[in-house]
PDB file of all heavy atoms in Angstrom:
ATOM      1  N   ARG A   1      44.650 -15.242 -28.230  1.00  0.00           N
ATOM      2  CA  ARG A   1      44.409 -14.806 -26.861  1.00  0.00           C
ATOM      3  C   ARG A   1      42.912 -14.729 -26.602  1.00  0.00           C
ATOM      4  O   ARG A   1      42.123 -14.480 -27.518  1.00  0.00           O
ATOM      5  CB  ARG A   1      45.049 -13.440 -26.629  1.00  0.00           C
ATOM      6  CG  ARG A   1      44.472 -12.331 -27.493  1.00  0.00           C
ATOM      7  CD  ARG A   1      45.184 -11.017 -27.232  1.00  0.00           C
ATOM      8  NE  ARG A   1      44.661  -9.963 -28.086  1.00  0.00           N
ATOM      9  CZ  ARG A   1      45.130  -8.714 -28.079  1.00  0.00           C
ATOM     10  NH1 ARG A   1      46.125  -8.385 -27.270  1.00  0.00           N
ATOM     11  NH2 ARG A   1      44.600  -7.810 -28.881  1.00  0.00           N
ATOM     12  N   PRO A   2      42.471 -14.932 -25.383  1.00  0.00           N
ATOM     13  CA  PRO A   2      41.034 -14.871 -25.090  1.00  0.00           C
ATOM     14  C   PRO A   2      40.478 -13.488 -25.397  1.00  0.00           C
ATOM     15  O   PRO A   2      41.042 -12.469 -25.003  1.00  0.00           O
ATOM     16  CB  PRO A   2      40.969 -15.178 -23.592  1.00  0.00           C
ATOM     17  CG  PRO A   2      42.246 -15.875 -23.286  1.00  0.00           C
ATOM     18  CD  PRO A   2      43.266 -15.300 -24.218  1.00  0.00           C
ATOM     19  N   ARG A   3      39.404 -13.479 -26.125  1.00  0.00           N
ATOM     20  CA  ARG A   3      38.770 -12.212 -26.479  1.00  0.00           C
ATOM     21  C   ARG A   3      37.920 -11.709 -25.318  1.00  0.00           C
ATOM     22  O   ARG A   3      37.152 -12.453 -24.717  1.00  0.00           O
ATOM     23  CB  ARG A   3      37.901 -12.382 -27.726  1.00  0.00           C
ATOM     24  CG  ARG A   3      38.710 -12.784 -28.957  1.00  0.00           C
ATOM     25  CD  ARG A   3      37.808 -12.925 -30.161  1.00  0.00           C
ATOM     26  NE  ARG A   3      38.567 -13.279 -31.355  1.00  0.00           N
ATOM     27  CZ  ARG A   3      38.015 -13.476 -32.551  1.00  0.00           C
ATOM     28  NH1 ARG A   3      36.692 -13.359 -32.699  1.00  0.00           N
ATOM     29  NH2 ARG A   3      38.781 -13.797 -33.568  1.00  0.00           N
ATOM     30  N   ARG A   4      38.098 -10.438 -25.027  1.00  0.00           N
ATOM     31  CA  ARG A   4      37.324  -9.846 -23.944  1.00  0.00           C
ATOM     32  C   ARG A   4      35.886  -9.624 -24.387  1.00  0.00           C
ATOM     33  O   ARG A   4      35.629  -9.009 -25.415  1.00  0.00           O
ATOM     34  CB  ARG A   4      37.949  -8.512 -23.534  1.00  0.00           C
ATOM     35  CG  ARG A   4      39.358  -8.639 -22.956  1.00  0.00           C
ATOM     36  CD  ARG A   4      39.893  -7.270 -22.571  1.00  0.00           C
ATOM     37  NE  ARG A   4      41.238  -7.380 -22.009  1.00  0.00           N
ATOM     38  CZ  ARG A   4      41.959  -6.330 -21.640  1.00  0.00           C
ATOM     39  NH1 ARG A   4      41.450  -5.093 -21.782  1.00  0.00           N
ATOM     40  NH2 ARG A   4      43.167  -6.500 -21.147  1.00  0.00           N
ATOM     41  N   SER A   5      34.987 -10.145 -23.623  1.00  0.00           N
ATOM     42  CA  SER A   5      33.570  -9.958 -23.941  1.00  0.00           C
ATOM     43  C   SER A   5      33.089  -8.636 -23.381  1.00  0.00           C
ATOM     44  O   SER A   5      33.569  -8.159 -22.345  1.00  0.00           O
ATOM     45  CB  SER A   5      32.744 -11.109 -23.345  1.00  0.00           C
ATOM     46  OG  SER A   5      32.935 -11.167 -21.944  1.00  0.00           O
ATOM     47  N   ARG A   6      32.186  -8.037 -24.063  1.00  0.00           N
ATOM     48  CA  ARG A   6      31.634  -6.762 -23.622  1.00  0.00           C
ATOM     49  C   ARG A   6      30.875  -6.934 -22.318  1.00  0.00           C
ATOM     50  O   ARG A   6      30.139  -7.918 -22.140  1.00  0.00           O
ATOM     51  CB  ARG A   6      30.699  -6.194 -24.692  1.00  0.00           C
ATOM     52  CG  ARG A   6      31.421  -5.852 -25.990  1.00  0.00           C
ATOM     53  CD  ARG A   6      30.434  -5.277 -26.990  1.00  0.00           C
ATOM     54  NE  ARG A   6      31.104  -4.920 -28.228  1.00  0.00           N
ATOM     55  CZ  ARG A   6      30.470  -4.400 -29.287  1.00  0.00           C
ATOM     56  NH1 ARG A   6      29.139  -4.201 -29.235  1.00  0.00           N
ATOM     57  NH2 ARG A   6      31.149  -4.103 -30.371  1.00  0.00           N
ATOM     58  N   PRO A   7      31.039  -6.009 -21.393  1.00  0.00           N
ATOM     59  CA  PRO A   7      30.311  -6.142 -20.117  1.00  0.00           C
ATOM     60  C   PRO A   7      28.809  -6.022 -20.341  1.00  0.00           C
ATOM     61  O   PRO A   7      28.322  -5.159 -21.072  1.00  0.00           O
ATOM     62  CB  PRO A   7      30.846  -4.968 -19.287  1.00  0.00           C
ATOM     63  CG  PRO A   7      31.378  -3.997 -20.289  1.00  0.00           C
ATOM     64  CD  PRO A   7      31.875  -4.807 -21.441  1.00  0.00           C
ATOM     65  N   ARG A   8      28.108  -6.913 -19.726  1.00  0.00           N
ATOM     66  CA  ARG A   8      26.659  -6.925 -19.858  1.00  0.00           C
ATOM     67  C   ARG A   8      26.030  -6.275 -18.629  1.00  0.00           C
ATOM     68  O   ARG A   8      26.449  -6.527 -17.505  1.00  0.00           O
ATOM     69  CB  ARG A   8      26.152  -8.360 -20.004  1.00  0.00           C
ATOM     70  CG  ARG A   8      26.672  -9.061 -21.256  1.00  0.00           C
ATOM     71  CD  ARG A   8      26.128 -10.475 -21.319  1.00  0.00           C
ATOM     72  NE  ARG A   8      26.595 -11.157 -22.519  1.00  0.00           N
ATOM     73  CZ  ARG A   8      26.282 -12.414 -22.808  1.00  0.00           C
ATOM     74  NH1 ARG A   8      25.500 -13.117 -21.981  1.00  0.00           N
ATOM     75  NH2 ARG A   8      26.741 -12.965 -23.911  1.00  0.00           N
ATOM     76  N   HIS A   9      25.021  -5.455 -18.861  1.00  0.00           N
ATOM     77  CA  HIS A   9      24.316  -4.821 -17.754  1.00  0.00           C
ATOM     78  C   HIS A   9      23.480  -5.867 -17.033  1.00  0.00           C
ATOM     79  O   HIS A   9      22.764  -6.658 -17.673  1.00  0.00           O
ATOM     80  CB  HIS A   9      23.415  -3.697 -18.267  1.00  0.00           C
ATOM     81  CG  HIS A   9      24.204  -2.605 -18.930  1.00  0.00           C
ATOM     82  ND1 HIS A   9      24.970  -1.719 -18.218  1.00  0.00           N
ATOM     83  CD2 HIS A   9      24.344  -2.280 -20.242  1.00  0.00           C
ATOM     84  CE1 HIS A   9      25.552  -0.869 -19.061  1.00  0.00           C
ATOM     85  NE2 HIS A   9      25.189  -1.194 -20.288  1.00  0.00           N
ATOM     86  N   PRO A  10      23.558  -5.918 -15.733  1.00  0.00           N
ATOM     87  CA  PRO A  10      22.772  -6.941 -15.015  1.00  0.00           C
ATOM     88  C   PRO A  10      21.279  -6.712 -15.183  1.00  0.00           C
ATOM     89  O   PRO A  10      20.796  -5.575 -15.236  1.00  0.00           O
ATOM     90  CB  PRO A  10      23.206  -6.738 -13.547  1.00  0.00           C
ATOM     91  CG  PRO A  10      23.732  -5.333 -13.495  1.00  0.00           C
ATOM     92  CD  PRO A  10      24.338  -5.063 -14.847  1.00  0.00           C
ATOM     93  N   ALA A  11      20.588  -7.814 -15.321  1.00  0.00           N
ATOM     94  CA  ALA A  11      19.134  -7.731 -15.512  1.00  0.00           C
ATOM     95  C   ALA A  11      18.486  -7.241 -14.226  1.00  0.00           C
ATOM     96  O   ALA A  11      18.924  -7.585 -13.119  1.00  0.00           O
ATOM     97  CB  ALA A  11      18.582  -9.105 -15.881  1.00  0.00           C
ATOM     98  N   PRO A  12      17.475  -6.429 -14.331  1.00  0.00           N
ATOM     99  CA  PRO A  12      16.795  -5.931 -13.125  1.00  0.00           C
ATOM    100  C   PRO A  12      16.108  -7.066 -12.403  1.00  0.00           C
ATOM    101  O   PRO A  12      15.718  -8.073 -13.000  1.00  0.00           O
ATOM    102  CB  PRO A  12      15.780  -4.933 -13.678  1.00  0.00           C
ATOM    103  CG  PRO A  12      15.565  -5.338 -15.090  1.00  0.00           C
ATOM    104  CD  PRO A  12      16.860  -5.905 -15.563  1.00  0.00           C
ATOM    105  N   PRO A  13      15.959  -6.981 -11.102  1.00  0.00           N
ATOM    106  CA  PRO A  13      15.263  -8.040 -10.351  1.00  0.00           C
ATOM    107  C   PRO A  13      13.847  -8.233 -10.858  1.00  0.00           C
ATOM    108  O   PRO A  13      13.232  -7.312 -11.411  1.00  0.00           O
ATOM    109  CB  PRO A  13      15.276  -7.523  -8.906  1.00  0.00           C
ATOM    110  CG  PRO A  13      16.383  -6.522  -8.878  1.00  0.00           C
ATOM    111  CD  PRO A  13      16.452  -5.917 -10.234  1.00  0.00           C
ATOM    112  N   GLU A  14      13.379  -9.441 -10.662  1.00  0.00           N
ATOM    113  CA  GLU A  14      12.052  -9.761 -11.189  1.00  0.00           C
ATOM    114  C   GLU A  14      10.966  -8.914 -10.535  1.00  0.00           C
ATOM    115  O   GLU A  14       9.996  -8.533 -11.184  1.00  0.00           O
ATOM    116  CB  GLU A  14      11.768 -11.241 -10.956  1.00  0.00           C
ATOM    117  CG  GLU A  14      10.439 -11.703 -11.548  1.00  0.00           C
ATOM    118  CD  GLU A  14      10.226 -13.180 -11.371  1.00  0.00           C
ATOM    119  OE1 GLU A  14      11.153 -13.850 -10.871  1.00  0.00           O
ATOM    120  OE2 GLU A  14       9.139 -13.662 -11.729  1.00  0.00           O
ATOM    121  N   SER A  15      11.135  -8.585  -9.255  1.00  0.00           N
ATOM    122  CA  SER A  15      10.111  -7.795  -8.572  1.00  0.00           C
ATOM    123  C   SER A  15      10.010  -6.392  -9.164  1.00  0.00           C
ATOM    124  O   SER A  15       8.925  -5.850  -9.335  1.00  0.00           O
ATOM    125  CB  SER A  15      10.431  -7.707  -7.086  1.00  0.00           C
ATOM    126  OG  SER A  15      11.726  -7.141  -6.892  1.00  0.00           O
ATOM    127  N   SER A  16      11.197  -5.818  -9.542  1.00  0.00           N
ATOM    128  CA  SER A  16      11.162  -4.470 -10.109  1.00  0.00           C
ATOM    129  C   SER A  16      10.634  -4.469 -11.525  1.00  0.00           C
ATOM    130  O   SER A  16      10.154  -3.455 -12.023  1.00  0.00           O
ATOM    131  CB  SER A  16      12.561  -3.860 -10.057  1.00  0.00           C
ATOM    132  OG  SER A  16      13.447  -4.642 -10.860  1.00  0.00           O
ATOM    133  N   MET A  17      10.757  -5.622 -12.228  1.00  0.00           N
ATOM    134  CA  MET A  17      10.262  -5.690 -13.601  1.00  0.00           C
ATOM    135  C   MET A  17       8.753  -5.517 -13.640  1.00  0.00           C
ATOM    136  O   MET A  17       8.200  -4.953 -14.581  1.00  0.00           O
ATOM    137  CB  MET A  17      10.650  -7.038 -14.241  1.00  0.00           C
ATOM    138  CG  MET A  17      12.150  -7.202 -14.461  1.00  0.00           C
ATOM    139  SD  MET A  17      12.543  -8.844 -15.085  1.00  0.00           S
ATOM    140  CE  MET A  17      11.601  -8.861 -16.600  1.00  0.00           C
ATOM    141  N   PHE A  18       8.055  -6.022 -12.631  1.00  0.00           N
ATOM    142  CA  PHE A  18       6.604  -5.970 -12.658  1.00  0.00           C
ATOM    143  C   PHE A  18       6.051  -4.924 -11.696  1.00  0.00           C
ATOM    144  O   PHE A  18       4.845  -4.844 -11.495  1.00  0.00           O
ATOM    145  CB  PHE A  18       6.020  -7.345 -12.274  1.00  0.00           C
ATOM    146  CG  PHE A  18       6.435  -8.444 -13.213  1.00  0.00           C
ATOM    147  CD1 PHE A  18       7.491  -9.276 -12.889  1.00  0.00           C
ATOM    148  CD2 PHE A  18       5.769  -8.618 -14.411  1.00  0.00           C
ATOM    149  CE1 PHE A  18       7.878 -10.283 -13.737  1.00  0.00           C
ATOM    150  CE2 PHE A  18       6.153  -9.632 -15.266  1.00  0.00           C
ATOM    151  CZ  PHE A  18       7.213 -10.468 -14.941  1.00  0.00           C
ATOM    152  N   ALA A  19       6.955  -4.144 -11.076  1.00  0.00           N
ATOM    153  CA  ALA A  19       6.470  -3.128 -10.129  1.00  0.00           C
ATOM    154  C   ALA A  19       5.623  -2.083 -10.828  1.00  0.00           C
ATOM    155  O   ALA A  19       4.583  -1.657 -10.324  1.00  0.00           O
ATOM    156  CB  ALA A  19       7.660  -2.479  -9.411  1.00  0.00           C
ATOM    157  N   HIS A  20       6.052  -1.666 -12.022  1.00  0.00           N
ATOM    158  CA  HIS A  20       5.303  -0.650 -12.751  1.00  0.00           C
ATOM    159  C   HIS A  20       3.925  -1.157 -13.138  1.00  0.00           C
ATOM    160  O   HIS A  20       2.926  -0.432 -13.034  1.00  0.00           O
ATOM    161  CB  HIS A  20       6.093  -0.229 -13.985  1.00  0.00           C
ATOM    162  CG  HIS A  20       5.418   0.846 -14.793  1.00  0.00           C
ATOM    163  ND1 HIS A  20       5.286   2.135 -14.323  1.00  0.00           N
ATOM    164  CD2 HIS A  20       4.820   0.793 -16.026  1.00  0.00           C
ATOM    165  CE1 HIS A  20       4.645   2.865 -15.232  1.00  0.00           C
ATOM    166  NE2 HIS A  20       4.364   2.059 -16.268  1.00  0.00           N
ATOM    167  N   ASP A  21       3.833  -2.425 -13.530  1.00  0.00           N
ATOM    168  CA  ASP A  21       2.527  -2.987 -13.894  1.00  0.00           C
ATOM    169  C   ASP A  21       1.601  -3.069 -12.680  1.00  0.00           C
ATOM    170  O   ASP A  21       0.401  -2.820 -12.767  1.00  0.00           O
ATOM    171  CB  ASP A  21       2.710  -4.381 -14.503  1.00  0.00           C
ATOM    172  CG  ASP A  21       3.493  -4.319 -15.819  1.00  0.00           C
ATOM    173  OD1 ASP A  21       3.519  -3.218 -16.414  1.00  0.00           O
ATOM    174  OD2 ASP A  21       4.064  -5.349 -16.209  1.00  0.00           O
ATOM    175  N   ASP A  22       2.148  -3.409 -11.511  1.00  0.00           N
ATOM    176  CA  ASP A  22       1.323  -3.510 -10.331  1.00  0.00           C
ATOM    177  C   ASP A  22       0.777  -2.130  -9.924  1.00  0.00           C
ATOM    178  O   ASP A  22      -0.367  -2.012  -9.493  1.00  0.00           O
ATOM    179  CB  ASP A  22       2.127  -4.081  -9.155  1.00  0.00           C
ATOM    180  CG  ASP A  22       2.529  -5.538  -9.420  1.00  0.00           C
ATOM    181  OD1 ASP A  22       1.879  -6.154 -10.274  1.00  0.00           O
ATOM    182  OD2 ASP A  22       3.487  -6.015  -8.780  1.00  0.00           O
ATOM    183  N   ASP A  23       1.601  -1.096 -10.080  1.00  0.00           N
ATOM    184  CA  ASP A  23       1.133   0.239  -9.766  1.00  0.00           C
ATOM    185  C   ASP A  23      -0.013   0.660 -10.664  1.00  0.00           C
ATOM    186  O   ASP A  23      -0.985   1.282 -10.235  1.00  0.00           O
ATOM    187  CB  ASP A  23       2.273   1.254  -9.890  1.00  0.00           C
ATOM    188  CG  ASP A  23       3.340   1.024  -8.816  1.00  0.00           C
ATOM    189  OD1 ASP A  23       3.019   0.361  -7.812  1.00  0.00           O
ATOM    190  OD2 ASP A  23       4.494   1.470  -9.043  1.00  0.00           O
ATOM    191  N   GLU A  24       0.068   0.295 -11.962  1.00  0.00           N
ATOM    192  CA  GLU A  24      -1.001   0.642 -12.885  1.00  0.00           C
ATOM    193  C   GLU A  24      -2.291  -0.081 -12.515  1.00  0.00           C
ATOM    194  O   GLU A  24      -3.378   0.482 -12.600  1.00  0.00           O
ATOM    195  CB  GLU A  24      -0.585   0.293 -14.326  1.00  0.00           C
ATOM    196  CG  GLU A  24       0.513   1.217 -14.877  1.00  0.00           C
ATOM    197  CD  GLU A  24       0.798   0.896 -16.319  1.00  0.00           C
ATOM    198  OE1 GLU A  24       0.234  -0.100 -16.827  1.00  0.00           O
ATOM    199  OE2 GLU A  24       1.543   1.650 -16.960  1.00  0.00           O
ATOM    200  N   VAL A  25      -2.164  -1.334 -12.085  1.00  0.00           N
ATOM    201  CA  VAL A  25      -3.368  -2.091 -11.717  1.00  0.00           C
ATOM    202  C   VAL A  25      -4.023  -1.477 -10.478  1.00  0.00           C
ATOM    203  O   VAL A  25      -5.263  -1.364 -10.386  1.00  0.00           O
ATOM    204  CB  VAL A  25      -3.007  -3.575 -11.479  1.00  0.00           C
ATOM    205  CG1 VAL A  25      -4.200  -4.316 -10.898  1.00  0.00           C
ATOM    206  CG2 VAL A  25      -2.557  -4.204 -12.790  1.00  0.00           C
ATOM    207  N   ARG A  26      -3.227  -1.055  -9.482  1.00  0.00           N
ATOM    208  CA  ARG A  26      -3.805  -0.482  -8.289  1.00  0.00           C
ATOM    209  C   ARG A  26      -4.425   0.875  -8.556  1.00  0.00           C
ATOM    210  O   ARG A  26      -5.397   1.277  -7.890  1.00  0.00           O
ATOM    211  CB  ARG A  26      -2.698  -0.340  -7.221  1.00  0.00           C
ATOM    212  CG  ARG A  26      -2.327  -1.672  -6.562  1.00  0.00           C
ATOM    213  CD  ARG A  26      -1.500  -1.411  -5.303  1.00  0.00           C
ATOM    214  NE  ARG A  26      -0.251  -0.738  -5.621  1.00  0.00           N
ATOM    215  CZ  ARG A  26       0.903  -1.371  -5.845  1.00  0.00           C
ATOM    216  NH1 ARG A  26       0.919  -2.677  -5.791  1.00  0.00           N
ATOM    217  NH2 ARG A  26       1.996  -0.681  -6.098  1.00  0.00           N
ATOM    218  N   ASN A  27      -3.928   1.621  -9.530  1.00  0.00           N
ATOM    219  CA  ASN A  27      -4.465   2.944  -9.829  1.00  0.00           C
ATOM    220  C   ASN A  27      -5.741   2.892 -10.630  1.00  0.00           C
ATOM    221  O   ASN A  27      -6.420   3.914 -10.780  1.00  0.00           O
ATOM    222  CB  ASN A  27      -3.448   3.813 -10.546  1.00  0.00           C
ATOM    223  CG  ASN A  27      -2.236   4.106  -9.653  1.00  0.00           C
ATOM    224  OD1 ASN A  27      -2.398   4.172  -8.422  1.00  0.00           O
ATOM    225  ND2 ASN A  27      -1.083   4.332 -10.276  1.00  0.00           N
ATOM    226  N   ARG A  28      -6.060   1.758 -11.181  1.00  0.00           N
ATOM    227  CA  ARG A  28      -7.285   1.653 -11.985  1.00  0.00           C
ATOM    228  C   ARG A  28      -8.509   1.572 -11.091  1.00  0.00           C
ATOM    229  O   ARG A  28      -8.478   0.992 -10.046  1.00  0.00           O
ATOM    230  CB  ARG A  28      -7.226   0.434 -12.919  1.00  0.00           C
ATOM    231  CG  ARG A  28      -6.203   0.603 -14.053  1.00  0.00           C
ATOM    232  CD  ARG A  28      -6.177  -0.649 -14.926  1.00  0.00           C
ATOM    233  NE  ARG A  28      -5.197  -0.502 -15.985  1.00  0.00           N
ATOM    234  CZ  ARG A  28      -4.921  -1.455 -16.877  1.00  0.00           C
ATOM    235  NH1 ARG A  28      -5.574  -2.615 -16.803  1.00  0.00           N
ATOM    236  NH2 ARG A  28      -4.034  -1.236 -17.798  1.00  0.00           N
TER     237      ARG A  28
END
C-alpha cells in the first residue's frame, strides 16, 4: 500500500526569509 509521507512544513516566503537581514542593515 502507498506509504504516507510525513507532512512537510511549507517553506517561508522568500521576502520573509530576508526581512530580518534587511532590518539589521537599516539599523546599522
